[in-house]
Amino acid sequence: MRVRRGKVRTSLLMVIAALGVGVLCSSNVARFQLAAKPGTGAPQLVSIQQLPFDGEMCAWPSTAPADPVLMASLEQDPTTNLFAAMRQQGRGGGAYTPDPSTIEVGRQPTRMIRDEYPTYSYVAVDTKFDEVVLQDNNLWAIRVFRRTANTPPDAPFTKPERVIQGLKTDVQFNNGIYIDPDDGEISSVESDTGDKVVVFTHDALGDIEPARVLKTPHRGYALAVDEGKKELFVSVQYPPRVMVYRKGASGNEAPLRVIEGEKTGLSDVHGIAIDVNRKLIFVANWGAISNYLVAGTGRFELPSITVYPLDANGDVKPLRVIQGEKTQLNWPHAISLDPGTGDLYVANDIGNSILVFHQTDQGDKAPARIIKGARTGLSNPTGVFVDTKNKEVWVANFGNSTATCYPINANGDAAPIRAIRSAPAGYQGLKFGKVEAVAYDSKRDQLLVPN
């Protein structure tokens, strides 16, 4: 039985359902074994065996049980106390095996629901090498295509030029990406498990170790770079903040400055873009707000785009805010800037659209342009990139394993001029993203999967 933070790997759901407990993170990986408790028929823990695994793994907290018989067995019998055994294991106590007659819980599942195709969460264009780089959030890969690649409707899919993927890469739940305009170096940030930015050389291929790794706060989402000052901007979902590092930073190097605090208006931060000409930072916020140190402080506000000075530091008030019903913002993910016009392109996930604002917009302002409609091929767009060299806009579609390309001035129900498709035509993905639970609706005979 192997689990990552909030991710069910085999049969852990059975144990979670029986115990009524959640999952917390630690460095341990364990195989749990259960057997019937003599005289009761109830299952009891009889073995915890440590397993080798790279990365952070999970342990158990004691919370209210759903099965009092099983919990009583585990809590009261000193030979089967799960929590004591886990604490012993956490101290390096070794395997706990009082009874050799065991049942292996980690058996193969009867069936599996999974998406076998890439789920594209982010996109960037390498204008020097004429390539499109896509973040595959489902299969944990970075896929590189020719910029001019196009998948005809009758073709199975587009073949990438190369793929960075495997255990050595340490690519996990990858969202934000940045391509160095000079040497094609690829930087990738993780949105959940890894708490780091991994950096690869332009020609990286296969299961290869990163050229360098920068440790960042948990739930990093997007990247931007000020090439003039050689500063790396990392957006962090929660607690909401923007970290600014030296561009070549690695290891546990501290940030140069941090934008964070009540005055900032940051909330569930996602996309980030910078305008070096006008000295501005743009940040996309989902609107979920809370102080995790103070119970009852949670609330929901409308999504927003907040704007700050490029050298902002600390708890600073935004220069202006784009927010309101007219904006049509609905789960704004990536944002990308046209430095020539100052136009800001927003990947509007639930709105199934690309919203274009002027960089001077503020308040409850309607977008200047909206790319949306049946002909666009958009499906839960989460990544957007403005390629000013080729006058194109690229979009990563989380919902159908595609990346679609439009003229830079596209508006309305515009068909893409090209599309990279990595699944059969018409495919609709499962849209799994950091699955953390599952429930069964017996009335409708449906599985409910929150992401």
Protein backbone atom coordinates (compact mmCIF):
# COMPACT_ATOMS: atom_id res chain seq x y z
CA MET A 1 0.00 0.00 0.00
CA ARG A 2 1.64 3.21 -1.15
CA VAL A 3 0.25 6.70 -0.99
CA ARG A 4 1.32 10.23 -1.74
CA ARG A 5 -0.23 13.24 -0.05
CA GLY A 6 -3.95 12.91 -0.73
CA LYS A 7 -3.42 10.48 -3.62
CA VAL A 8 -4.79 6.93 -3.37
CA ARG A 9 -2.32 4.54 -4.98
CA THR A 10 -3.89 1.10 -4.33
CA SER A 11 -6.40 -0.08 -1.72
CA LEU A 12 -5.92 2.64 0.90
CA LEU A 13 -9.54 3.73 0.47
CA MET A 14 -10.65 0.56 2.28
CA VAL A 15 -8.60 1.45 5.33
CA ILE A 16 -9.68 5.11 5.24
CA ALA A 17 -13.35 4.06 5.05
CA ALA A 18 -12.97 1.64 7.95
CA LEU A 19 -11.07 3.97 10.22
CA GLY A 20 -12.77 7.24 9.25
CA VAL A 21 -9.42 9.03 9.28
CA GLY A 22 -7.54 11.33 6.93
CA VAL A 23 -3.96 11.40 5.74
CA LEU A 24 -1.07 13.54 6.97
CA CYS A 25 2.38 13.78 5.49
CA SER A 26 5.60 12.26 6.75
CA SER A 27 8.61 10.54 5.29
CA ASN A 28 7.32 7.00 5.89
CA VAL A 29 5.89 4.55 3.36
CA ALA A 30 4.17 1.52 4.84
CA ARG A 31 2.40 -1.70 3.86
CA PHE A 32 -0.48 -2.35 6.26
CA GLN A 33 -1.68 -5.91 6.92
CA LEU A 34 -4.97 -6.82 8.59
CA ALA A 35 -6.32 -10.08 10.04
CA ALA A 36 -9.53 -11.06 11.82
CA LYS A 37 -9.44 -10.39 15.57
CA PRO A 38 -10.07 -13.70 17.43
CA GLY A 39 -13.54 -13.96 18.90
CA THR A 40 -14.93 -10.85 17.16
CA GLY A 41 -14.41 -11.29 13.43
CA ALA A 42 -13.40 -7.63 13.28
CA PRO A 43 -10.23 -6.75 11.33
CA GLN A 44 -7.14 -5.87 13.30
CA LEU A 45 -3.79 -4.43 12.36
CA VAL A 46 -1.07 -7.06 12.57
CA SER A 47 1.78 -5.67 10.48
CA ILE A 48 3.32 -2.39 9.38
CA GLN A 49 6.25 -2.82 7.05
CA GLN A 50 8.35 0.12 5.91
CA LEU A 51 8.82 0.38 2.14
CA PRO A 52 11.37 2.38 0.19
CA PHE A 53 9.98 5.25 -1.87
CA ASP A 54 11.27 8.59 -3.10
CA GLY A 55 9.41 11.71 -2.05
CA GLU A 56 7.08 12.66 0.76
CA MET A 57 4.60 10.08 1.97
CA CYS A 58 1.84 9.80 4.52
CA ALA A 59 0.88 8.75 8.06
CA TRP A 60 -2.32 8.79 10.09
CA PRO A 61 -3.87 11.21 12.58
CA SER A 62 -6.40 10.05 15.18
CA THR A 63 -9.80 11.50 14.37
CA ALA A 64 -13.40 10.39 14.96
CA PRO A 65 -13.82 6.78 13.73
CA ALA A 66 -16.58 5.63 11.42
CA ASP A 67 -16.27 2.03 12.68
CA PRO A 68 -16.23 1.95 16.53
CA VAL A 69 -15.59 -1.82 16.69
CA LEU A 70 -12.49 -1.63 14.55
CA MET A 71 -11.29 1.56 16.27
CA ALA A 72 -11.77 0.00 19.72
CA SER A 73 -9.69 -2.94 18.59
CA LEU A 74 -6.95 -0.70 17.29
CA GLU A 75 -6.97 1.74 20.22
CA GLN A 76 -7.39 -0.58 23.22
CA ASP A 77 -5.46 -3.73 22.38
CA PRO A 78 -1.76 -2.93 22.93
CA THR A 79 -0.78 -5.54 20.36
CA THR A 80 -2.85 -3.92 17.62
CA ASN A 81 -2.67 -0.20 18.35
CA LEU A 82 -2.31 1.36 14.91
CA PHE A 83 -1.30 4.79 16.12
CA ALA A 84 1.29 3.51 18.57
CA ALA A 85 2.70 1.29 15.83
CA MET A 86 2.85 4.19 13.40
CA ARG A 87 4.59 6.33 16.00
CA GLN A 88 7.05 3.49 16.60
CA GLN A 89 7.61 3.19 12.86
CA GLY A 90 8.13 6.96 12.60
CA ARG A 91 10.92 6.63 15.19
CA GLY A 92 12.57 3.95 13.10
CA GLY A 93 11.20 1.11 15.24
CA GLY A 94 11.04 -1.35 12.36
CA ALA A 95 8.27 -3.74 11.25
CA TYR A 96 5.61 -4.59 13.83
CA THR A 97 4.48 -8.22 13.28
CA PRO A 98 2.88 -9.93 16.32
CA ASP A 99 0.86 -12.43 14.22
CA PRO A 100 2.20 -14.28 11.15
CA SER A 101 -1.29 -15.10 9.79
CA THR A 102 -2.01 -11.95 7.81
CA ILE A 103 -3.99 -10.66 4.89
CA GLU A 104 -2.18 -8.46 2.37
CA VAL A 105 -4.19 -5.26 1.92
CA GLY A 106 -2.12 -3.94 -0.96
CA ARG A 107 -3.62 -6.27 -3.58
CA GLN A 108 -4.32 -5.09 -7.13
CA PRO A 109 -7.65 -3.28 -7.65
CA THR A 110 -10.54 -5.08 -9.35
CA ARG A 111 -10.79 -2.24 -11.84
CA MET A 112 -9.39 1.25 -12.22
CA ILE A 113 -10.76 4.60 -13.36
CA ARG A 114 -7.96 6.68 -14.81
CA ASP A 115 -7.15 9.01 -17.67
CA GLU A 116 -4.57 7.39 -19.92
CA TYR A 117 -3.95 10.52 -21.98
CA PRO A 118 -2.05 13.72 -21.18
CA THR A 119 -3.85 16.48 -19.29
CA TYR A 120 -2.37 19.78 -20.39
CA SER A 121 -2.25 22.35 -17.61
CA TYR A 122 0.19 24.93 -18.98
CA VAL A 123 1.84 26.01 -22.22
CA ALA A 124 4.85 28.10 -23.24
CA VAL A 125 6.52 28.82 -26.56
CA ASP A 126 10.27 28.66 -27.09
CA THR A 127 10.61 31.32 -29.78
CA LYS A 128 14.33 30.71 -30.30
CA PHE A 129 13.99 27.00 -31.09
CA ASP A 130 10.44 27.31 -32.50
CA GLU A 131 8.91 24.83 -30.08
CA VAL A 132 5.77 24.53 -27.95
CA VAL A 133 6.30 23.13 -24.46
CA LEU A 134 3.32 21.59 -22.63
CA GLN A 135 2.92 20.57 -19.00
CA ASP A 136 1.26 17.14 -18.70
CA ASN A 137 -0.30 17.27 -15.23
CA ASN A 138 -1.80 13.76 -15.48
CA LEU A 139 1.16 11.63 -16.57
CA TRP A 140 3.76 13.89 -14.93
CA ALA A 141 5.65 14.85 -18.04
CA ILE A 142 6.90 17.84 -20.03
CA ARG A 143 6.15 17.36 -23.74
CA VAL A 144 7.91 19.37 -26.46
CA PHE A 145 6.39 19.81 -29.94
CA ARG A 146 7.29 21.72 -33.06
CA ARG A 147 5.50 25.07 -33.00
CA THR A 148 4.08 24.42 -36.46
CA ALA A 149 2.75 20.96 -35.52
CA ASN A 150 -0.90 20.37 -36.33
CA THR A 151 -3.09 17.32 -35.81
CA PRO A 152 -5.54 16.64 -38.67
CA PRO A 153 -9.01 15.47 -37.59
CA ASP A 154 -8.38 11.96 -38.97
CA ALA A 155 -4.94 11.58 -37.28
CA PRO A 156 -4.68 9.66 -33.98
CA PHE A 157 -2.56 12.32 -32.24
CA THR A 158 0.53 14.53 -32.59
CA LYS A 159 3.86 12.95 -31.74
CA PRO A 160 6.12 15.12 -29.53
CA GLU A 161 9.70 15.88 -30.48
CA ARG A 162 10.82 14.78 -27.03
CA VAL A 163 9.40 14.06 -23.57
CA ILE A 164 10.88 14.68 -20.11
CA GLN A 165 9.36 12.06 -17.82
CA GLY A 166 10.32 9.59 -15.09
CA LEU A 167 11.27 9.21 -11.44
CA LYS A 168 14.62 10.97 -11.83
CA THR A 169 12.99 14.10 -13.26
CA ASP A 170 11.03 14.72 -10.05
CA VAL A 171 8.23 16.19 -12.19
CA GLN A 172 4.97 15.93 -10.22
CA PHE A 173 1.63 17.72 -10.65
CA ASN A 174 3.43 20.22 -12.87
CA ASN A 175 1.65 23.46 -13.68
CA GLY A 176 3.67 26.62 -14.23
CA ILE A 177 6.46 26.68 -16.78
CA TYR A 178 9.03 29.22 -17.99
CA ILE A 179 11.32 28.97 -21.03
CA ASP A 180 14.58 30.92 -20.99
CA PRO A 181 14.57 33.04 -24.17
CA ASP A 182 18.36 32.77 -24.59
CA ASP A 183 19.20 29.09 -24.06
CA GLY A 184 15.80 27.33 -23.96
CA GLU A 185 16.24 26.20 -20.35
CA ILE A 186 12.93 24.82 -19.00
CA SER A 187 11.74 25.66 -15.47
CA SER A 188 8.75 23.79 -14.04
CA VAL A 189 6.90 24.38 -10.76
CA GLU A 190 4.67 21.88 -8.93
CA SER A 191 1.24 22.72 -7.57
CA ASP A 192 1.02 20.12 -4.82
CA THR A 193 3.48 17.47 -3.72
CA GLY A 194 7.01 18.50 -4.51
CA ASP A 195 7.33 22.07 -3.18
CA LYS A 196 10.01 22.97 -5.69
CA VAL A 197 11.00 24.31 -9.09
CA VAL A 198 12.90 21.84 -11.27
CA VAL A 199 15.07 23.17 -14.11
CA PHE A 200 16.15 21.26 -17.23
CA THR A 201 18.46 22.13 -20.11
CA HIS A 202 16.84 22.71 -23.50
CA ASP A 203 17.84 19.31 -24.86
CA ALA A 204 16.77 17.30 -21.78
CA LEU A 205 15.17 14.00 -22.75
CA GLY A 206 13.57 11.07 -20.96
CA ASP A 207 14.14 10.15 -17.33
CA ILE A 208 16.86 12.65 -16.48
CA GLU A 209 17.73 14.50 -13.29
CA PRO A 210 17.11 18.27 -13.24
CA ALA A 211 20.06 20.60 -13.82
CA ARG A 212 19.08 22.28 -10.54
CA VAL A 213 16.24 22.29 -8.00
CA LEU A 214 14.89 25.24 -5.99
CA LYS A 215 12.84 24.53 -2.85
CA THR A 216 9.71 26.70 -2.69
CA PRO A 217 6.69 26.93 -0.38
CA HIS A 218 3.93 24.36 -0.72
CA ARG A 219 1.42 24.85 -3.56
CA GLY A 220 3.52 26.89 -5.96
CA TYR A 221 1.57 27.47 -9.16
CA ALA A 222 3.08 29.76 -11.82
CA LEU A 223 6.40 31.31 -12.89
CA ALA A 224 7.56 34.57 -14.45
CA VAL A 225 11.04 36.06 -14.90
CA ASP A 226 12.38 39.59 -15.11
CA GLU A 227 15.30 38.92 -17.45
CA GLY A 228 16.73 42.41 -16.94
CA LYS A 229 17.08 42.03 -13.17
CA LYS A 230 17.43 38.22 -13.34
CA GLU A 231 14.60 37.69 -10.86
CA LEU A 232 12.29 34.65 -10.70
CA PHE A 233 8.67 35.20 -9.58
CA VAL A 234 6.77 32.22 -8.10
CA SER A 235 3.06 32.47 -7.27
CA VAL A 236 1.87 30.42 -4.27
CA GLN A 237 -1.78 29.43 -3.90
CA TYR A 238 -2.05 29.23 -0.10
CA PRO A 239 -1.14 30.97 2.08
CA PRO A 240 -1.39 33.39 -0.87
CA ARG A 241 1.84 35.10 -1.78
CA VAL A 242 4.34 35.91 -4.50
CA MET A 243 7.94 34.84 -3.89
CA VAL A 244 10.78 36.60 -5.73
CA TYR A 245 14.08 34.72 -6.04
CA ARG A 246 17.36 35.21 -7.80
CA LYS A 247 16.85 33.68 -11.27
CA GLY A 248 19.58 31.06 -10.84
CA ALA A 249 18.58 30.19 -7.26
CA SER A 250 18.75 26.56 -6.14
CA GLY A 251 18.48 24.43 -3.04
CA ASN A 252 17.13 26.22 0.03
CA GLU A 253 18.11 29.70 -1.14
CA ALA A 254 15.96 32.37 0.49
CA PRO A 255 13.78 34.70 -1.60
CA LEU A 256 14.86 38.26 -2.27
CA ARG A 257 11.43 39.51 -1.22
CA VAL A 258 7.87 38.29 -0.65
CA ILE A 259 4.50 39.93 -1.42
CA GLU A 260 2.11 38.74 1.28
CA GLY A 261 -0.46 40.08 3.76
CA GLU A 262 -4.01 41.35 4.30
CA LYS A 263 -3.51 44.55 2.30
CA THR A 264 -2.35 42.72 -0.82
CA GLY A 265 -5.79 41.35 -1.71
CA LEU A 266 -4.15 38.07 -2.74
CA SER A 267 -6.48 35.06 -2.50
CA ASP A 268 -5.88 31.51 -3.76
CA VAL A 269 -3.22 32.79 -6.15
CA HIS A 270 -2.79 31.18 -9.57
CA GLY A 271 -1.39 32.86 -12.68
CA ILE A 272 1.26 35.57 -12.68
CA ALA A 273 2.64 37.84 -15.39
CA ILE A 274 5.06 40.76 -15.33
CA ASP A 275 5.36 43.85 -17.53
CA VAL A 276 8.99 44.99 -17.41
CA ASN A 277 8.25 47.99 -19.67
CA ARG A 278 5.58 49.41 -17.37
CA LYS A 279 7.13 47.94 -14.17
CA LEU A 280 4.03 45.96 -13.16
CA ILE A 281 3.07 42.55 -11.72
CA PHE A 282 -0.32 40.96 -12.56
CA VAL A 283 -1.71 38.16 -10.36
CA ALA A 284 -4.82 36.00 -10.88
CA ASN A 285 -6.82 35.24 -7.70
CA TRP A 286 -9.66 32.75 -7.25
CA GLY A 287 -11.21 34.56 -4.27
CA ALA A 288 -11.09 31.91 -1.52
CA ILE A 289 -9.83 33.72 1.59
CA SER A 290 -8.97 32.49 5.10
CA ASN A 291 -6.38 32.81 7.83
CA TYR A 292 -5.45 29.24 8.71
CA LEU A 293 -4.33 30.44 12.15
CA VAL A 294 -7.77 31.83 13.02
CA ALA A 295 -10.86 29.62 12.96
CA GLY A 296 -13.93 31.02 11.20
CA THR A 297 -12.10 33.51 9.01
CA GLY A 298 -12.88 31.76 5.73
CA ARG A 299 -14.93 33.56 3.09
CA PHE A 300 -15.40 33.70 -0.66
CA GLU A 301 -14.97 36.82 -2.78
CA LEU A 302 -15.23 37.27 -6.54
CA PRO A 303 -12.15 36.25 -8.56
CA SER A 304 -9.79 39.08 -9.44
CA ILE A 305 -6.66 40.29 -11.18
CA THR A 306 -4.53 42.37 -8.82
CA VAL A 307 -1.76 44.69 -10.03
CA TYR A 308 1.41 45.69 -8.10
CA PRO A 309 4.63 47.60 -8.73
CA LEU A 310 7.34 45.34 -10.12
CA ASP A 311 9.52 45.94 -7.04
CA ALA A 312 6.65 45.39 -4.54
CA ASN A 313 7.64 43.85 -1.21
CA GLY A 314 5.70 42.89 1.91
CA ASP A 315 2.08 43.69 2.72
CA VAL A 316 1.43 46.18 -0.11
CA LYS A 317 -1.91 47.37 -1.42
CA PRO A 318 -2.50 46.72 -5.15
CA LEU A 319 -2.32 49.65 -7.54
CA ARG A 320 -5.63 48.54 -9.02
CA VAL A 321 -7.93 45.51 -9.10
CA ILE A 322 -9.97 43.99 -11.96
CA GLN A 323 -12.97 42.38 -10.25
CA GLY A 324 -16.74 42.12 -10.65
CA GLU A 325 -19.57 40.38 -12.51
CA LYS A 326 -18.82 42.14 -15.80
CA THR A 327 -15.26 40.74 -15.90
CA GLN A 328 -16.60 37.16 -16.36
CA LEU A 329 -13.61 35.87 -14.36
CA ASN A 330 -14.32 32.31 -13.23
CA TRP A 331 -11.36 30.28 -11.95
CA PRO A 332 -8.71 32.37 -13.76
CA HIS A 333 -5.60 30.24 -14.17
CA ALA A 334 -2.62 31.32 -16.26
CA ILE A 335 -2.22 34.89 -17.47
CA SER A 336 0.07 36.11 -20.24
CA LEU A 337 0.96 39.62 -21.36
CA ASP A 338 1.49 41.17 -24.77
CA PRO A 339 4.31 43.59 -23.88
CA GLY A 340 3.74 45.67 -27.00
CA THR A 341 0.07 46.50 -26.42
CA GLY A 342 -0.11 45.76 -22.71
CA ASP A 343 -3.08 43.43 -23.33
CA LEU A 344 -3.53 40.78 -20.65
CA TYR A 345 -4.75 37.31 -21.71
CA VAL A 346 -6.45 35.17 -19.04
CA ALA A 347 -7.14 31.41 -19.23
CA ASN A 348 -10.65 31.34 -17.77
CA ASP A 349 -11.18 27.69 -16.78
CA ILE A 350 -14.84 27.39 -15.77
CA GLY A 351 -15.82 30.21 -18.11
CA ASN A 352 -14.37 28.07 -20.93
CA SER A 353 -12.87 31.17 -22.49
CA ILE A 354 -9.82 33.38 -22.97
CA LEU A 355 -10.47 36.86 -21.60
CA VAL A 356 -8.43 39.82 -22.86
CA PHE A 357 -8.14 42.96 -20.72
CA HIS A 358 -6.22 46.18 -21.27
CA GLN A 359 -3.40 46.53 -18.75
CA THR A 360 -4.93 49.81 -17.56
CA ASP A 361 -8.34 48.23 -16.79
CA GLN A 362 -9.64 48.29 -13.23
CA GLY A 363 -12.82 47.64 -11.29
CA ASP A 364 -15.84 45.84 -12.73
CA LYS A 365 -14.67 46.12 -16.32
CA ALA A 366 -15.82 43.90 -19.19
CA PRO A 367 -13.05 42.26 -21.23
CA ALA A 368 -11.93 44.05 -24.38
CA ARG A 369 -12.14 40.73 -26.25
CA ILE A 370 -13.33 37.20 -25.45
CA ILE A 371 -12.34 34.01 -27.30
CA LYS A 372 -15.22 31.62 -26.64
CA GLY A 373 -17.58 29.31 -28.51
CA ALA A 374 -18.08 25.90 -30.07
CA ARG A 375 -15.62 26.50 -32.93
CA THR A 376 -12.73 27.49 -30.62
CA GLY A 377 -12.04 23.96 -29.35
CA LEU A 378 -11.52 25.36 -25.85
CA SER A 379 -12.13 22.88 -23.04
CA ASN A 380 -11.39 24.10 -19.51
CA PRO A 381 -8.42 26.25 -20.59
CA THR A 382 -5.83 26.58 -17.81
CA GLY A 383 -2.74 27.68 -19.73
CA VAL A 384 -2.24 30.62 -22.11
CA PHE A 385 0.85 32.08 -23.77
CA VAL A 386 1.19 35.14 -26.02
CA ASP A 387 3.80 34.57 -28.75
CA THR A 388 4.47 38.10 -30.00
CA LYS A 389 7.19 36.97 -32.42
CA ASN A 390 4.76 34.84 -34.44
CA LYS A 391 1.63 36.85 -33.56
CA GLU A 392 -0.08 33.84 -32.01
CA VAL A 393 -1.82 32.88 -28.78
CA TRP A 394 -1.47 29.32 -27.46
CA VAL A 395 -3.88 27.70 -25.02
CA ALA A 396 -3.52 24.51 -22.95
CA ASN A 397 -6.88 22.77 -22.59
CA PHE A 398 -7.20 20.75 -19.41
CA GLY A 399 -10.40 19.07 -20.59
CA ASN A 400 -9.50 17.39 -23.88
CA SER A 401 -5.73 16.74 -24.14
CA THR A 402 -5.15 19.53 -26.65
CA ALA A 403 -3.26 22.77 -27.14
CA THR A 404 -4.93 25.21 -29.54
CA CYS A 405 -3.38 28.15 -31.38
CA TYR A 406 -5.13 31.39 -32.48
CA PRO A 407 -4.16 34.64 -34.18
CA ILE A 408 -3.05 37.18 -31.59
CA ASN A 409 -6.07 39.38 -32.40
CA ALA A 410 -8.62 36.53 -32.25
CA ASN A 411 -12.06 37.42 -30.93
CA GLY A 412 -15.38 35.63 -30.43
CA ASP A 413 -16.04 32.10 -31.69
CA ALA A 414 -12.74 31.84 -33.56
CA ALA A 415 -11.52 28.49 -34.82
CA PRO A 416 -7.87 27.64 -34.02
CA ILE A 417 -5.38 27.95 -36.84
CA ARG A 418 -3.58 24.84 -35.53
CA ALA A 419 -4.06 22.30 -32.77
CA ILE A 420 -1.86 19.78 -31.02
CA ARG A 421 -3.99 16.82 -29.96
CA SER A 422 -2.69 14.00 -27.74
CA ALA A 423 -5.86 11.89 -27.57
CA PRO A 424 -8.49 10.63 -30.05
CA ALA A 425 -10.57 13.31 -31.77
CA GLY A 426 -13.54 14.35 -29.65
CA TYR A 427 -12.03 12.94 -26.47
CA GLN A 428 -13.19 14.47 -23.20
CA GLY A 429 -10.75 13.90 -20.35
CA LEU A 430 -11.72 12.84 -16.84
CA LYS A 431 -10.21 16.11 -15.60
CA PHE A 432 -8.71 14.41 -12.57
CA GLY A 433 -6.44 16.83 -10.77
CA LYS A 434 -5.08 16.00 -7.32
CA VAL A 435 -7.92 13.61 -6.45
CA GLU A 436 -8.27 13.56 -2.67
CA ALA A 437 -11.45 11.57 -1.97
CA VAL A 438 -14.23 9.58 -3.58
CA ALA A 439 -17.89 9.06 -2.67
CA TYR A 440 -20.66 6.84 -4.02
CA ASP A 441 -24.12 8.16 -4.89
CA SER A 442 -26.36 5.10 -4.49
CA LYS A 443 -29.44 6.87 -5.91
CA ARG A 444 -27.77 7.69 -9.22
CA ASP A 445 -25.20 4.87 -9.18
CA GLN A 446 -22.42 7.42 -9.66
CA LEU A 447 -18.96 8.01 -8.23
CA LEU A 448 -18.30 11.58 -7.04
CA VAL A 449 -14.65 12.63 -7.29
CA PRO A 450 -13.62 16.02 -5.86
CA ASN A 451 -10.36 17.43 -7.23
